[in-house]
């Protein structure tokens, strides 16, 4: 194999290696940029959902307090236990007009006045520890329940009637579809008892440890666990159809492949160029020496320059 061929191969390998290394750096940077883009979208979905849940809790809490801080509730509902008044103003009136699945009026000693519920609950678990009440999630056999409780007071919030009022609703498919219209995402709610979804074709996705989001089949998927008192009650899976990450990935891939091809072509051309610059004078010198060796002594040797080839010509 000629020396120039060896050098050409060596230079080509080195330059191609640098091209591939640089393309790997670009690919890594592109993947990081893509991951950051997905993370930004996932964070936006999670923020919007958290805001929606806070509004749902606030609305439910306001509904309960409007009834709990009503003197008639204390006087007619708790003290007198007026059956007709309770029917017309609490149960079944509240369920029919607000669609709640849970309407409970209970004394602080555990005596039940009203328990109009279509779901199975352990009342001792949802009665608040203090009179101010609480608003949170509860896991029942029917699935996840959002409920709010409050002590029953007079309109000024001073006299406590020794009872608690509780409203709640199951987070079922109807609720999820309403949330979907607001958030523009598909939602799966999964608990150990029930699973509700806005789109039956979607399935749960497994996540790596400590990862709360991923991009799969054109969806940005966010996992939002429901935790109360350090207990996992279920998981919300948010599915946002978004082709932007796919398009970004295709663009990065196309650019990377184009860069590799361009790098290979440039590497080969540069190798040929440098070898040509190095070996052209040597080829001329070799030709002249062959002419002299054949008996032509009138050959003029170009010995200009200060490089090794010119030095070799002068020595010859």
C-alpha atoms as a PDB file:
ATOM      1  CA  UNK A   1       0.000   0.000   0.000  1.00  0.00           C
ATOM      2  CA  UNK A   2       1.369   3.428  -0.961  1.00  0.00           C
ATOM      3  CA  UNK A   3       2.372   5.782   1.813  1.00  0.00           C
ATOM      4  CA  UNK A   4      -0.087   8.430   0.625  1.00  0.00           C
ATOM      5  CA  UNK A   5      -2.894   5.880   0.776  1.00  0.00           C
ATOM      6  CA  UNK A   6      -1.978   4.993   4.349  1.00  0.00           C
ATOM      7  CA  UNK A   7      -1.856   8.643   5.359  1.00  0.00           C
ATOM      8  CA  UNK A   8      -5.142   9.288   3.568  1.00  0.00           C
ATOM      9  CA  UNK A   9      -6.818   6.470   5.485  1.00  0.00           C
ATOM     10  CA  UNK A  10      -5.365   7.621   8.791  1.00  0.00           C
ATOM     11  CA  UNK A  11      -6.415  11.236   8.265  1.00  0.00           C
ATOM     12  CA  UNK A  12      -9.869  10.165   7.132  1.00  0.00           C
ATOM     13  CA  UNK A  13     -10.323   8.002  10.243  1.00  0.00           C
ATOM     14  CA  UNK A  14      -9.209  10.808  12.540  1.00  0.00           C
ATOM     15  CA  UNK A  15     -11.413  13.419  10.895  1.00  0.00           C
ATOM     16  CA  UNK A  16     -14.391  11.055  10.741  1.00  0.00           C
ATOM     17  CA  UNK A  17     -13.867  10.259  14.425  1.00  0.00           C
ATOM     18  CA  UNK A  18     -13.956  13.952  15.284  1.00  0.00           C
ATOM     19  CA  UNK A  19     -17.104  14.366  13.178  1.00  0.00           C
ATOM     20  CA  UNK A  20     -18.850  11.493  14.951  1.00  0.00           C
ATOM     21  CA  UNK A  21     -17.756  12.786  18.371  1.00  0.00           C
ATOM     22  CA  UNK A  22     -19.058  16.239  17.573  1.00  0.00           C
ATOM     23  CA  UNK A  23     -22.344  14.762  16.309  1.00  0.00           C
ATOM     24  CA  UNK A  24     -22.666  12.853  19.602  1.00  0.00           C
ATOM     25  CA  UNK A  25     -22.210  16.104  21.502  1.00  0.00           C
ATOM     26  CA  UNK A  26     -24.896  17.737  19.369  1.00  0.00           C
ATOM     27  CA  UNK A  27     -27.197  14.745  19.874  1.00  0.00           C
ATOM     28  CA  UNK A  28     -26.704  14.879  23.650  1.00  0.00           C
ATOM     29  CA  UNK A  29     -27.395  18.619  23.731  1.00  0.00           C
ATOM     30  CA  UNK A  30     -30.483  18.095  21.554  1.00  0.00           C
ATOM     31  CA  UNK A  31     -31.810  15.376  23.855  1.00  0.00           C
ATOM     32  CA  UNK A  32     -31.296  17.599  26.881  1.00  0.00           C
ATOM     33  CA  UNK A  33     -33.127  20.418  25.124  1.00  0.00           C
ATOM     34  CA  UNK A  34     -35.947  18.019  24.234  1.00  0.00           C
ATOM     35  CA  UNK A  35     -36.139  16.744  27.826  1.00  0.00           C
ATOM     36  CA  UNK A  36     -36.284  20.315  29.128  1.00  0.00           C
ATOM     37  CA  UNK A  37     -39.076  21.098  26.677  1.00  0.00           C
ATOM     38  CA  UNK A  38     -41.113  18.090  27.864  1.00  0.00           C
ATOM     39  CA  UNK A  39     -40.426  19.029  31.502  1.00  0.00           C
ATOM     40  CA  UNK A  40     -41.689  22.560  30.869  1.00  0.00           C
ATOM     41  CA  UNK A  41     -44.889  21.246  29.314  1.00  0.00           C
ATOM     42  CA  UNK A  42     -45.366  18.732  32.138  1.00  0.00           C
ATOM     43  CA  UNK A  43     -44.887  21.446  34.748  1.00  0.00           C
ATOM     44  CA  UNK A  44     -47.478  23.608  32.990  1.00  0.00           C
ATOM     45  CA  UNK A  45     -50.004  20.740  33.056  1.00  0.00           C
ATOM     46  CA  UNK A  46     -49.318  20.001  36.728  1.00  0.00           C
ATOM     47  CA  UNK A  47     -49.634  23.667  37.681  1.00  0.00           C
ATOM     48  CA  UNK A  48     -52.940  24.034  35.838  1.00  0.00           C
ATOM     49  CA  UNK A  49     -54.315  20.858  37.429  1.00  0.00           C
ATOM     50  CA  UNK A  50     -53.225  21.889  40.932  1.00  0.00           C
ATOM     51  CA  UNK A  51     -54.927  25.231  40.433  1.00  0.00           C
ATOM     52  CA  UNK A  52     -58.118  23.460  39.314  1.00  0.00           C
ATOM     53  CA  UNK A  53     -58.106  21.209  42.391  1.00  0.00           C
ATOM     54  CA  UNK A  54     -57.660  24.216  44.676  1.00  0.00           C
ATOM     55  CA  UNK A  55     -60.649  25.908  43.045  1.00  0.00           C
ATOM     56  CA  UNK A  56     -62.744  22.739  43.446  1.00  0.00           C
ATOM     57  CA  UNK A  57     -61.811  22.563  47.120  1.00  0.00           C
ATOM     58  CA  UNK A  58     -62.564  26.232  47.608  1.00  0.00           C
ATOM     59  CA  UNK A  59     -66.001  25.992  45.966  1.00  0.00           C
ATOM     60  CA  UNK A  60     -66.906  22.916  48.029  1.00  0.00           C
ATOM     61  CA  UNK A  61     -65.684  24.572  51.216  1.00  0.00           C
ATOM     62  CA  UNK A  62     -67.752  27.685  50.497  1.00  0.00           C
ATOM     63  CA  UNK A  63     -70.878  25.571  49.900  1.00  0.00           C
ATOM     64  CA  UNK A  64     -70.458  23.785  53.222  1.00  0.00           C
ATOM     65  CA  UNK A  65     -69.751  26.956  55.185  1.00  0.00           C
ATOM     66  CA  UNK A  66     -72.739  28.749  53.634  1.00  0.00           C
ATOM     67  CA  UNK A  67     -74.960  26.045  55.148  1.00  0.00           C
ATOM     68  CA  UNK A  68     -72.956  25.456  58.334  1.00  0.00           C
ATOM     69  CA  UNK A  69     -72.914  29.159  59.283  1.00  0.00           C
ATOM     70  CA  UNK A  70     -76.677  29.458  58.950  1.00  0.00           C
ATOM     71  CA  UNK A  71     -78.549  29.851  62.211  1.00  0.00           C
ATOM     72  CA  UNK A  72     -81.563  27.981  60.860  1.00  0.00           C
ATOM     73  CA  UNK A  73     -79.308  24.960  60.318  1.00  0.00           C
ATOM     74  CA  UNK A  74     -78.364  25.073  63.978  1.00  0.00           C
ATOM     75  CA  UNK A  75     -81.829  25.844  65.312  1.00  0.00           C
ATOM     76  CA  UNK A  76     -84.055  23.729  63.050  1.00  0.00           C
ATOM     77  CA  UNK A  77     -81.574  21.143  61.855  1.00  0.00           C
ATOM     78  CA  UNK A  78     -79.529  20.398  64.969  1.00  0.00           C
ATOM     79  CA  UNK A  79     -81.588  21.518  67.976  1.00  0.00           C
ATOM     80  CA  UNK A  80     -85.151  20.830  66.817  1.00  0.00           C
ATOM     81  CA  UNK A  81     -84.324  18.262  64.139  1.00  0.00           C
ATOM     82  CA  UNK A  82     -87.275  19.439  62.136  1.00  0.00           C
ATOM     83  CA  UNK A  83     -87.756  16.644  59.606  1.00  0.00           C
ATOM     84  CA  UNK A  84     -89.692  18.757  57.116  1.00  0.00           C
ATOM     85  CA  UNK A  85     -87.148  21.571  57.343  1.00  0.00           C
ATOM     86  CA  UNK A  86     -84.278  19.144  56.822  1.00  0.00           C
ATOM     87  CA  UNK A  87     -85.955  17.656  53.741  1.00  0.00           C
ATOM     88  CA  UNK A  88     -86.633  21.050  52.192  1.00  0.00           C
ATOM     89  CA  UNK A  89     -83.254  22.610  53.011  1.00  0.00           C
ATOM     90  CA  UNK A  90     -80.671  19.854  53.382  1.00  0.00           C
ATOM     91  CA  UNK A  91     -81.589  16.389  52.257  1.00  0.00           C
ATOM     92  CA  UNK A  92     -82.543  15.586  49.560  1.00  0.00           C
ATOM     93  CA  UNK A  93     -82.571  19.241  48.448  1.00  0.00           C
ATOM     94  CA  UNK A  94     -78.776  19.710  48.482  1.00  0.00           C
ATOM     95  CA  UNK A  95     -78.075  16.483  46.607  1.00  0.00           C
ATOM     96  CA  UNK A  96     -80.664  17.252  43.959  1.00  0.00           C
ATOM     97  CA  UNK A  97     -79.474  20.806  43.339  1.00  0.00           C
ATOM     98  CA  UNK A  98     -75.681  20.458  43.772  1.00  0.00           C
ATOM     99  CA  UNK A  99     -75.203  16.820  42.795  1.00  0.00           C
ATOM    100  CA  UNK A 100     -73.255  15.881  45.895  1.00  0.00           C
ATOM    101  CA  UNK A 101     -72.841  12.187  46.670  1.00  0.00           C
ATOM    102  CA  UNK A 102     -72.324  12.801  50.370  1.00  0.00           C
ATOM    103  CA  UNK A 103     -74.505  14.956  52.665  1.00  0.00           C
ATOM    104  CA  UNK A 104     -74.018  14.387  56.378  1.00  0.00           C
ATOM    105  CA  UNK A 105     -75.160  16.253  59.471  1.00  0.00           C
ATOM    106  CA  UNK A 106     -73.696  14.652  62.580  1.00  0.00           C
ATOM    107  CA  UNK A 107     -73.374  15.577  66.234  1.00  0.00           C
ATOM    108  CA  UNK A 108     -69.904  15.961  67.745  1.00  0.00           C
ATOM    109  CA  UNK A 109     -70.625  12.928  69.913  1.00  0.00           C
ATOM    110  CA  UNK A 110     -71.120  10.781  66.787  1.00  0.00           C
ATOM    111  CA  UNK A 111     -74.943  10.794  66.718  1.00  0.00           C
ATOM    112  CA  UNK A 112     -76.133  10.965  63.091  1.00  0.00           C
ATOM    113  CA  UNK A 113     -78.891  13.423  62.220  1.00  0.00           C
ATOM    114  CA  UNK A 114     -78.695  13.068  58.427  1.00  0.00           C
ATOM    115  CA  UNK A 115     -76.579  10.644  56.415  1.00  0.00           C
ATOM    116  CA  UNK A 116     -77.660  10.933  52.804  1.00  0.00           C
ATOM    117  CA  UNK A 117     -74.859   9.132  51.015  1.00  0.00           C
ATOM    118  CA  UNK A 118     -74.543   6.985  47.908  1.00  0.00           C
ATOM    119  CA  UNK A 119     -71.014   5.996  48.907  1.00  0.00           C
ATOM    120  CA  UNK A 120     -69.649   3.969  51.769  1.00  0.00           C
ATOM    121  CA  UNK A 121     -67.682   6.086  54.227  1.00  0.00           C
ATOM    122  CA  UNK A 122     -66.331   5.742  57.738  1.00  0.00           C
ATOM    123  CA  UNK A 123     -67.728   8.903  59.283  1.00  0.00           C
ATOM    124  CA  UNK A 124     -65.218   8.871  62.121  1.00  0.00           C
ATOM    125  CA  UNK A 125     -62.468   9.307  59.507  1.00  0.00           C
ATOM    126  CA  UNK A 126     -63.971  12.390  57.885  1.00  0.00           C
ATOM    127  CA  UNK A 127     -65.253  14.236  60.957  1.00  0.00           C
ATOM    128  CA  UNK A 128     -62.784  17.092  61.548  1.00  0.00           C
ATOM    129  CA  UNK A 129     -60.610  17.223  64.634  1.00  0.00           C
ATOM    130  CA  UNK A 130     -61.631  20.815  65.302  1.00  0.00           C
ATOM    131  CA  UNK A 131     -64.650  22.963  64.571  1.00  0.00           C
ATOM    132  CA  UNK A 132     -63.048  24.827  61.670  1.00  0.00           C
ATOM    133  CA  UNK A 133     -63.411  21.723  59.486  1.00  0.00           C
ATOM    134  CA  UNK A 134     -61.264  20.496  56.614  1.00  0.00           C
ATOM    135  CA  UNK A 135     -61.388  19.966  52.868  1.00  0.00           C
ATOM    136  CA  UNK A 136     -59.496  17.026  51.390  1.00  0.00           C
ATOM    137  CA  UNK A 137     -59.695  13.699  49.551  1.00  0.00           C
ATOM    138  CA  UNK A 138     -61.007  10.439  50.985  1.00  0.00           C
ATOM    139  CA  UNK A 139     -60.723   6.946  49.499  1.00  0.00           C
ATOM    140  CA  UNK A 140     -63.925   4.904  49.470  1.00  0.00           C
ATOM    141  CA  UNK A 141     -65.042   1.749  47.691  1.00  0.00           C
ATOM    142  CA  UNK A 142     -66.563   3.970  44.992  1.00  0.00           C
ATOM    143  CA  UNK A 143     -63.216   5.646  44.348  1.00  0.00           C
ATOM    144  CA  UNK A 144     -61.770   8.996  45.299  1.00  0.00           C
ATOM    145  CA  UNK A 145     -64.062  11.412  47.149  1.00  0.00           C
ATOM    146  CA  UNK A 146     -63.501  15.136  47.566  1.00  0.00           C
ATOM    147  CA  UNK A 147     -65.256  16.292  50.700  1.00  0.00           C
ATOM    148  CA  UNK A 148     -65.462  19.338  52.948  1.00  0.00           C
ATOM    149  CA  UNK A 149     -66.621  19.593  56.553  1.00  0.00           C
ATOM    150  CA  UNK A 150     -67.377  22.411  58.949  1.00  0.00           C
ATOM    151  CA  UNK A 151     -68.712  22.918  62.404  1.00  0.00           C
ATOM    152  CA  UNK A 152     -72.294  24.275  62.548  1.00  0.00           C
ATOM    153  CA  UNK A 153     -72.328  27.851  63.924  1.00  0.00           C
ATOM    154  CA  UNK A 154     -74.596  30.839  64.050  1.00  0.00           C
ATOM    155  CA  UNK A 155     -74.234  33.446  61.309  1.00  0.00           C
ATOM    156  CA  UNK A 156     -71.601  35.332  63.336  1.00  0.00           C
ATOM    157  CA  UNK A 157     -69.521  32.208  63.883  1.00  0.00           C
ATOM    158  CA  UNK A 158     -69.685  32.454  67.670  1.00  0.00           C
ATOM    159  CA  UNK A 159     -72.217  29.902  68.888  1.00  0.00           C
ATOM    160  CA  UNK A 160     -71.306  26.295  68.108  1.00  0.00           C
ATOM    161  CA  UNK A 161     -74.295  23.968  67.865  1.00  0.00           C
ATOM    162  CA  UNK A 162     -72.300  20.833  68.650  1.00  0.00           C
ATOM    163  CA  UNK A 163     -72.598  19.354  65.153  1.00  0.00           C
ATOM    164  CA  UNK A 164     -70.704  19.067  61.876  1.00  0.00           C
ATOM    165  CA  UNK A 165     -71.888  19.374  58.278  1.00  0.00           C
ATOM    166  CA  UNK A 166     -70.166  17.408  55.521  1.00  0.00           C
ATOM    167  CA  UNK A 167     -70.587  17.621  51.728  1.00  0.00           C
ATOM    168  CA  UNK A 168     -68.682  15.453  49.265  1.00  0.00           C
ATOM    169  CA  UNK A 169     -68.620  14.107  45.718  1.00  0.00           C
ATOM    170  CA  UNK A 170     -67.037  11.142  43.973  1.00  0.00           C
ATOM    171  CA  UNK A 171     -64.431  12.026  41.347  1.00  0.00           C
ATOM    172  CA  UNK A 172     -65.989   9.913  38.600  1.00  0.00           C
ATOM    173  CA  UNK A 173     -66.002  10.076  34.794  1.00  0.00           C
ATOM    174  CA  UNK A 174     -68.475  12.963  34.691  1.00  0.00           C
ATOM    175  CA  UNK A 175     -66.227  15.066  36.921  1.00  0.00           C
ATOM    176  CA  UNK A 176     -63.135  14.098  34.914  1.00  0.00           C
ATOM    177  CA  UNK A 177     -64.821  15.024  31.620  1.00  0.00           C
ATOM    178  CA  UNK A 178     -65.669  18.419  33.039  1.00  0.00           C
ATOM    179  CA  UNK A 179     -62.045  18.865  34.074  1.00  0.00           C
ATOM    180  CA  UNK A 180     -60.922  17.711  30.624  1.00  0.00           C
ATOM    181  CA  UNK A 181     -62.938  20.504  29.000  1.00  0.00           C
ATOM    182  CA  UNK A 182     -61.242  23.028  31.267  1.00  0.00           C
ATOM    183  CA  UNK A 183     -57.670  21.731  31.035  1.00  0.00           C
ATOM    184  CA  UNK A 184     -57.783  20.333  27.475  1.00  0.00           C
ATOM    185  CA  UNK A 185     -56.156  17.089  28.634  1.00  0.00           C
ATOM    186  CA  UNK A 186     -57.332  13.505  28.995  1.00  0.00           C
ATOM    187  CA  UNK A 187     -57.342  12.208  32.559  1.00  0.00           C
ATOM    188  CA  UNK A 188     -57.132   8.795  34.187  1.00  0.00           C
ATOM    189  CA  UNK A 189     -57.860   8.430  37.897  1.00  0.00           C
ATOM    190  CA  UNK A 190     -56.634   5.149  39.340  1.00  0.00           C
ATOM    191  CA  UNK A 191     -57.240   3.895  42.880  1.00  0.00           C
ATOM    192  CA  UNK A 192     -57.127   0.433  44.418  1.00  0.00           C
ATOM    193  CA  UNK A 193     -60.934   0.220  44.185  1.00  0.00           C
ATOM    194  CA  UNK A 194     -61.922   2.103  41.034  1.00  0.00           C
ATOM    195  CA  UNK A 195     -60.514   3.467  37.828  1.00  0.00           C
ATOM    196  CA  UNK A 196     -62.110   6.300  35.854  1.00  0.00           C
ATOM    197  CA  UNK A 197     -60.968   7.697  32.527  1.00  0.00           C
ATOM    198  CA  UNK A 198     -61.968  10.317  29.967  1.00  0.00           C
ATOM    199  CA  UNK A 199     -60.623   8.139  27.150  1.00  0.00           C
ATOM    200  CA  UNK A 200     -60.965   4.356  27.327  1.00  0.00           C
ATOM    201  CA  UNK A 201     -58.161   3.738  24.808  1.00  0.00           C
ATOM    202  CA  UNK A 202     -55.581   5.247  27.146  1.00  0.00           C
ATOM    203  CA  UNK A 203     -53.819   3.027  29.638  1.00  0.00           C
ATOM    204  CA  UNK A 204     -51.719   3.634  32.702  1.00  0.00           C
ATOM    205  CA  UNK A 205     -48.022   4.223  32.077  1.00  0.00           C
ATOM    206  CA  UNK A 206     -45.245   3.026  34.337  1.00  0.00           C
ATOM    207  CA  UNK A 207     -42.782   5.670  35.457  1.00  0.00           C
ATOM    208  CA  UNK A 208     -39.164   5.355  36.443  1.00  0.00           C
ATOM    209  CA  UNK A 209     -38.275   5.989  40.069  1.00  0.00           C
ATOM    210  CA  UNK A 210     -38.879   9.607  41.084  1.00  0.00           C
ATOM    211  CA  UNK A 211     -40.005  10.518  37.554  1.00  0.00           C
ATOM    212  CA  UNK A 212     -43.372  12.244  37.354  1.00  0.00           C
ATOM    213  CA  UNK A 213     -43.614  12.786  33.614  1.00  0.00           C
ATOM    214  CA  UNK A 214     -42.685  11.251  30.275  1.00  0.00           C
ATOM    215  CA  UNK A 215     -43.380  11.549  26.549  1.00  0.00           C
ATOM    216  CA  UNK A 216     -45.069   8.538  24.963  1.00  0.00           C
ATOM    217  CA  UNK A 217     -46.949   8.025  21.669  1.00  0.00           C
ATOM    218  CA  UNK A 218     -47.365  11.755  21.097  1.00  0.00           C
ATOM    219  CA  UNK A 219     -48.602  12.470  24.633  1.00  0.00           C
ATOM    220  CA  UNK A 220     -46.938  14.404  27.405  1.00  0.00           C
ATOM    221  CA  UNK A 221     -47.981  12.272  30.399  1.00  0.00           C
ATOM    222  CA  UNK A 222     -47.872  13.574  33.949  1.00  0.00           C
ATOM    223  CA  UNK A 223     -48.368  11.463  37.063  1.00  0.00           C
ATOM    224  CA  UNK A 224     -49.894  13.395  39.985  1.00  0.00           C
ATOM    225  CA  UNK A 225     -50.279  11.286  43.140  1.00  0.00           C
ATOM    226  CA  UNK A 226     -53.067  12.007  45.642  1.00  0.00           C
ATOM    227  CA  UNK A 227     -51.626  11.965  49.144  1.00  0.00           C
ATOM    228  CA  UNK A 228     -53.430  12.731  52.399  1.00  0.00           C
ATOM    229  CA  UNK A 229     -51.752  12.312  55.794  1.00  0.00           C
ATOM    230  CA  UNK A 230     -48.774  10.622  54.102  1.00  0.00           C
ATOM    231  CA  UNK A 231     -51.074   7.974  52.581  1.00  0.00           C
ATOM    232  CA  UNK A 232     -51.263   7.407  48.831  1.00  0.00           C
ATOM    233  CA  UNK A 233     -54.950   7.352  47.874  1.00  0.00           C
ATOM    234  CA  UNK A 234     -54.574   7.168  44.103  1.00  0.00           C
ATOM    235  CA  UNK A 235     -52.976   8.695  41.027  1.00  0.00           C
ATOM    236  CA  UNK A 236     -54.114  11.178  38.417  1.00  0.00           C
ATOM    237  CA  UNK A 237     -52.550  10.578  34.993  1.00  0.00           C
ATOM    238  CA  UNK A 238     -52.758  13.620  32.727  1.00  0.00           C
ATOM    239  CA  UNK A 239     -52.439  13.003  28.963  1.00  0.00           C
ATOM    240  CA  UNK A 240     -51.721  16.060  26.829  1.00  0.00           C
ATOM    241  CA  UNK A 241     -51.602  15.396  23.074  1.00  0.00           C
ATOM    242  CA  UNK A 242     -48.604  17.404  21.859  1.00  0.00           C
ATOM    243  CA  UNK A 243     -46.663  16.793  18.650  1.00  0.00           C
ATOM    244  CA  UNK A 244     -44.063  19.494  19.352  1.00  0.00           C
ATOM    245  CA  UNK A 245     -41.555  17.159  21.077  1.00  0.00           C
ATOM    246  CA  UNK A 246     -41.899  14.687  18.188  1.00  0.00           C
ATOM    247  CA  UNK A 247     -41.251  17.422  15.644  1.00  0.00           C
ATOM    248  CA  UNK A 248     -38.288  18.667  17.672  1.00  0.00           C
ATOM    249  CA  UNK A 249     -36.884  15.132  17.823  1.00  0.00           C
ATOM    250  CA  UNK A 250     -37.280  14.647  14.074  1.00  0.00           C
ATOM    251  CA  UNK A 251     -35.627  18.009  13.419  1.00  0.00           C
ATOM    252  CA  UNK A 252     -32.711  17.191  15.712  1.00  0.00           C
ATOM    253  CA  UNK A 253     -32.334  13.740  14.153  1.00  0.00           C
ATOM    254  CA  UNK A 254     -32.384  15.154  10.625  1.00  0.00           C
ATOM    255  CA  UNK A 255     -29.824  17.806  11.504  1.00  0.00           C
ATOM    256  CA  UNK A 256     -27.585  15.260  13.234  1.00  0.00           C
ATOM    257  CA  UNK A 257     -27.655  12.875  10.261  1.00  0.00           C
ATOM    258  CA  UNK A 258     -27.039  15.781   7.878  1.00  0.00           C
ATOM    259  CA  UNK A 259     -24.122  16.918   9.997  1.00  0.00           C
ATOM    260  CA  UNK A 260     -22.612  13.425  10.061  1.00  0.00           C
ATOM    261  CA  UNK A 261     -22.893  13.095   6.279  1.00  0.00           C
ATOM    262  CA  UNK A 262     -21.488  16.583   5.747  1.00  0.00           C
ATOM    263  CA  UNK A 263     -18.689  15.801   8.202  1.00  0.00           C
ATOM    264  CA  UNK A 264     -17.812  12.616   6.341  1.00  0.00           C
ATOM    265  CA  UNK A 265     -17.701  14.407   2.995  1.00  0.00           C
ATOM    266  CA  UNK A 266     -15.656  17.283   4.397  1.00  0.00           C
ATOM    267  CA  UNK A 267     -13.316  14.824   6.121  1.00  0.00           C
ATOM    268  CA  UNK A 268     -12.640  12.965   2.878  1.00  0.00           C
ATOM    269  CA  UNK A 269     -12.157  16.176   0.900  1.00  0.00           C
ATOM    270  CA  UNK A 270      -9.834  17.664   3.510  1.00  0.00           C
ATOM    271  CA  UNK A 271      -7.821  14.456   3.639  1.00  0.00           C
ATOM    272  CA  UNK A 272      -7.400  14.461  -0.133  1.00  0.00           C
ATOM    273  CA  UNK A 273      -6.532  18.162  -0.130  1.00  0.00           C
ATOM    274  CA  UNK A 274      -3.826  17.892   2.531  1.00  0.00           C
ATOM    275  CA  UNK A 275      -2.363  14.732   1.032  1.00  0.00           C
ATOM    276  CA  UNK A 276      -2.295  16.409  -2.369  1.00  0.00           C
ATOM    277  CA  UNK A 277      -0.439  19.409  -0.911  1.00  0.00           C
ATOM    278  CA  UNK A 278       2.035  17.145   0.866  1.00  0.00           C
ATOM    279  CA  UNK A 279       2.685  14.542  -1.825  1.00  0.00           C
ATOM    280  CA  UNK A 280       2.516  16.634  -5.014  1.00  0.00           C
ATOM    281  CA  UNK A 281       6.096  17.977  -4.632  1.00  0.00           C
ATOM    282  CA  UNK A 282       7.254  14.476  -3.645  1.00  0.00           C
ATOM    283  CA  UNK A 283       5.603  12.998  -6.732  1.00  0.00           C
ATOM    284  CA  UNK A 284       7.342  15.592  -8.923  1.00  0.00           C
ATOM    285  CA  UNK A 285      10.679  14.839  -7.253  1.00  0.00           C
ATOM    286  CA  UNK A 286      10.164  11.086  -7.686  1.00  0.00           C
ATOM    287  CA  UNK A 287       9.372  11.561 -11.383  1.00  0.00           C
ATOM    288  CA  UNK A 288      12.464  13.698 -11.893  1.00  0.00           C
ATOM    289  CA  UNK A 289      14.664  11.141 -10.139  1.00  0.00           C
ATOM    290  CA  UNK A 290      13.280   8.364 -12.326  1.00  0.00           C
ATOM    291  CA  UNK A 291      14.076  10.470 -15.425  1.00  0.00           C
ATOM    292  CA  UNK A 292      17.655  10.983 -14.236  1.00  0.00           C
ATOM    293  CA  UNK A 293      18.031   7.293 -13.429  1.00  0.00           C
ATOM    294  CA  UNK A 294      17.029   6.536 -17.011  1.00  0.00           C
ATOM    295  CA  UNK A 295      19.884   8.688 -18.332  1.00  0.00           C
ATOM    296  CA  UNK A 296      18.307  12.124 -18.715  1.00  0.00           C
ATOM    297  CA  UNK A 297      20.709  14.386 -16.823  1.00  0.00           C
ATOM    298  CA  UNK A 298      19.290  17.622 -18.132  1.00  0.00           C
ATOM    299  CA  UNK A 299      16.355  17.413 -15.706  1.00  0.00           C
ATOM    300  CA  UNK A 300      15.958  20.500 -13.539  1.00  0.00           C
ATOM    301  CA  UNK A 301      15.293  19.744  -9.883  1.00  0.00           C
ATOM    302  CA  UNK A 302      13.155  22.273  -8.041  1.00  0.00           C
ATOM    303  CA  UNK A 303      14.951  22.661  -4.688  1.00  0.00           C
ATOM    304  CA  UNK A 304      13.167  25.814  -3.554  1.00  0.00           C
ATOM    305  CA  UNK A 305      11.591  25.907  -0.111  1.00  0.00           C
ATOM    306  CA  UNK A 306      12.649  24.973   3.360  1.00  0.00           C
ATOM    307  CA  UNK A 307      10.647  21.809   3.952  1.00  0.00           C
ATOM    308  CA  UNK A 308      11.909  18.238   4.094  1.00  0.00           C
ATOM    309  CA  UNK A 309      11.234  17.590   0.390  1.00  0.00           C
ATOM    310  CA  UNK A 310      13.384  20.567  -0.699  1.00  0.00           C
ATOM    311  CA  UNK A 311      16.109  19.424   1.719  1.00  0.00           C
ATOM    312  CA  UNK A 312      15.952  15.927   0.196  1.00  0.00           C
ATOM    313  CA  UNK A 313      16.252  17.403  -3.313  1.00  0.00           C
ATOM    314  CA  UNK A 314      19.336  19.422  -2.341  1.00  0.00           C
ATOM    315  CA  UNK A 315      20.911  16.368  -0.710  1.00  0.00           C
ATOM    316  CA  UNK A 316      20.282  14.311  -3.850  1.00  0.00           C
END
